[in-house]
C-alpha atoms as a PDB file:
ATOM      1  CA  MET A   1      89.186 124.823 104.348  1.00  0.00           C
ATOM      2  CA  ALA A   2      91.937 122.288 103.543  1.00  0.00           C
ATOM      3  CA  ALA A   3      94.452 124.429 105.424  1.00  0.00           C
ATOM      4  CA  SER A   4      92.381 124.629 108.587  1.00  0.00           C
ATOM      5  CA  GLU A   5      90.836 121.146 108.593  1.00  0.00           C
ATOM      6  CA  LYS A   6      93.950 119.230 107.422  1.00  0.00           C
ATOM      7  CA  PRO A   7      92.162 116.295 105.749  1.00  0.00           C
ATOM      8  CA  ASP A   8      94.008 113.069 104.892  1.00  0.00           C
ATOM      9  CA  VAL A   9      92.725 113.165 101.309  1.00  0.00           C
ATOM     10  CA  MET A  10      90.646 115.480  99.113  1.00  0.00           C
ATOM     11  CA  ILE A  11      88.120 114.227  96.573  1.00  0.00           C
ATOM     12  CA  LEU A  12      87.230 116.704  93.838  1.00  0.00           C
ATOM     13  CA  ASP A  13      84.652 116.687  91.100  1.00  0.00           C
ATOM     14  CA  ILE A  14      85.980 118.740  88.202  1.00  0.00           C
ATOM     15  CA  PHE A  15      82.698 120.347  87.243  1.00  0.00           C
ATOM     16  CA  MET A  16      81.414 122.262  90.268  1.00  0.00           C
ATOM     17  CA  PRO A  17      79.640 125.602  90.553  1.00  0.00           C
ATOM     18  CA  GLY A  18      81.891 128.557  91.248  1.00  0.00           C
ATOM     19  CA  MET A  19      85.504 127.440  91.168  1.00  0.00           C
ATOM     20  CA  ASP A  20      85.919 124.182  89.283  1.00  0.00           C
ATOM     21  CA  GLY A  21      88.044 121.283  90.483  1.00  0.00           C
ATOM     22  CA  PHE A  22      91.001 122.362  88.336  1.00  0.00           C
ATOM     23  CA  GLY A  23      91.000 125.761  90.059  1.00  0.00           C
ATOM     24  CA  VAL A  24      90.856 124.163  93.498  1.00  0.00           C
ATOM     25  CA  LEU A  25      93.696 121.804  92.584  1.00  0.00           C
ATOM     26  CA  ARG A  26      95.855 124.653  91.238  1.00  0.00           C
ATOM     27  CA  LYS A  27      95.335 126.743  94.383  1.00  0.00           C
ATOM     28  CA  LEU A  28      96.069 123.803  96.656  1.00  0.00           C
ATOM     29  CA  ARG A  29      99.323 122.878  94.885  1.00  0.00           C
ATOM     30  CA  GLU A  30     100.401 126.562  94.735  1.00  0.00           C
ATOM     31  CA  ARG A  31      99.825 126.888  98.485  1.00  0.00           C
ATOM     32  CA  GLU A  32     101.865 123.749  99.144  1.00  0.00           C
ATOM     33  CA  ARG A  33     104.770 125.128  97.085  1.00  0.00           C
ATOM     34  CA  HIS A  34     104.504 128.631  98.537  1.00  0.00           C
ATOM     35  CA  ASP A  35     104.234 127.958 102.244  1.00  0.00           C
ATOM     36  CA  GLY A  36     105.667 124.454 102.502  1.00  0.00           C
ATOM     37  CA  SER A  37     102.361 122.847 103.435  1.00  0.00           C
ATOM     38  CA  SER A  38     102.455 119.089 103.525  1.00  0.00           C
ATOM     39  CA  TYR A  39     101.338 117.201 100.435  1.00  0.00           C
ATOM     40  CA  LEU A  40      97.622 116.455 100.317  1.00  0.00           C
ATOM     41  CA  PRO A  41      96.547 113.544  98.104  1.00  0.00           C
ATOM     42  CA  VAL A  42      93.782 114.630  95.723  1.00  0.00           C
ATOM     43  CA  ILE A  43      91.524 112.215  93.869  1.00  0.00           C
ATOM     44  CA  VAL A  44      89.698 113.824  90.966  1.00  0.00           C
ATOM     45  CA  PHE A  45      86.569 112.355  89.441  1.00  0.00           C
ATOM     46  CA  SER A  46      84.515 113.234  86.406  1.00  0.00           C
ATOM     47  CA  ALA A  47      82.277 111.712  83.767  1.00  0.00           C
ATOM     48  CA  ARG A  48      84.776 112.994  81.181  1.00  0.00           C
ATOM     49  CA  SER A  49      87.675 110.561  81.196  1.00  0.00           C
ATOM     50  CA  SER A  50      89.394 112.745  78.573  1.00  0.00           C
ATOM     51  CA  ILE A  51      90.402 115.199  81.308  1.00  0.00           C
ATOM     52  CA  ALA A  52      92.325 112.631  83.355  1.00  0.00           C
ATOM     53  CA  GLU A  53      95.692 113.627  81.892  1.00  0.00           C
ATOM     54  CA  GLU A  54      95.122 117.321  82.611  1.00  0.00           C
ATOM     55  CA  ALA A  55      94.170 116.517  86.208  1.00  0.00           C
ATOM     56  CA  ILE A  56      97.330 114.451  86.723  1.00  0.00           C
ATOM     57  CA  VAL A  57      99.524 117.155  85.143  1.00  0.00           C
ATOM     58  CA  LEU A  58      98.015 119.713  87.536  1.00  0.00           C
ATOM     59  CA  GLY A  59      98.932 117.522  90.496  1.00  0.00           C
ATOM     60  CA  ALA A  60      96.055 115.127  91.082  1.00  0.00           C
ATOM     61  CA  THR A  61      97.110 111.937  92.814  1.00  0.00           C
ATOM     62  CA  ASP A  62      94.545 109.831  90.972  1.00  0.00           C
ATOM     63  CA  PHE A  63      91.593 110.087  88.619  1.00  0.00           C
ATOM     64  CA  ILE A  64      88.413 108.025  88.601  1.00  0.00           C
ATOM     65  CA  SER A  65      85.688 108.092  85.961  1.00  0.00           C
ATOM     66  CA  LYS A  66      81.994 108.372  86.730  1.00  0.00           C
ATOM     67  CA  PRO A  67      80.041 106.314  87.266  1.00  0.00           C
ATOM     68  CA  PHE A  68      82.167 104.429  89.737  1.00  0.00           C
ATOM     69  CA  MET A  69      81.600 101.768  92.340  1.00  0.00           C
ATOM     70  CA  PRO A  70      81.939 102.981  95.941  1.00  0.00           C
ATOM     71  CA  GLU A  71      84.368 100.109  96.597  1.00  0.00           C
ATOM     72  CA  ASP A  72      86.639 101.416  93.824  1.00  0.00           C
ATOM     73  CA  MET A  73      86.677 104.892  95.351  1.00  0.00           C
ATOM     74  CA  ALA A  74      87.372 103.437  98.798  1.00  0.00           C
ATOM     75  CA  ASP A  75      90.320 101.444  97.402  1.00  0.00           C
ATOM     76  CA  ARG A  76      91.780 104.524  95.722  1.00  0.00           C
ATOM     77  CA  ILE A  77      91.416 106.543  98.911  1.00  0.00           C
ATOM     78  CA  ARG A  78      93.261 103.852 100.883  1.00  0.00           C
ATOM     79  CA  VAL A  79      96.093 103.806  98.323  1.00  0.00           C
ATOM     80  CA  ALA A  80      96.368 107.607  98.150  1.00  0.00           C
ATOM     81  CA  VAL A  81      96.517 107.980 101.920  1.00  0.00           C
ATOM     82  CA  SER A  82      98.976 105.112 102.425  1.00  0.00           C
ATOM     83  CA  ASN A  83     101.286 106.489  99.708  1.00  0.00           C
ATOM     84  CA  ALA A  84     101.249 109.960 101.288  1.00  0.00           C
ATOM     85  CA  ILE A  85     102.541 108.730 104.632  1.00  0.00           C
END
C-alpha cells in the first residue's frame, strides 16, 4: 500500500494482528534499498518503551510511547516530514 499510495509518513503500532510493525518496517526498508524507493519516515508507537531501540535500529524515524497526547504525535509527524524533504 505504501508503494502505491506514496504517503508522506507512516505511523506503525508494533503489536498488530498478522504482520507486526517490525515486519512492516523491515519490508519497507528492504524495498527502499532494493528498488531505490524514496525514504519514507516511519513513526513507531507502542506501550512497551523497551522496544524503542530495536525500532530505531530497524530504521524507524522516531518512537513514541503509549499513551501519548495527540499534540505530541502531531509534532513528531511534522518533524519527520520536514526532515525527509
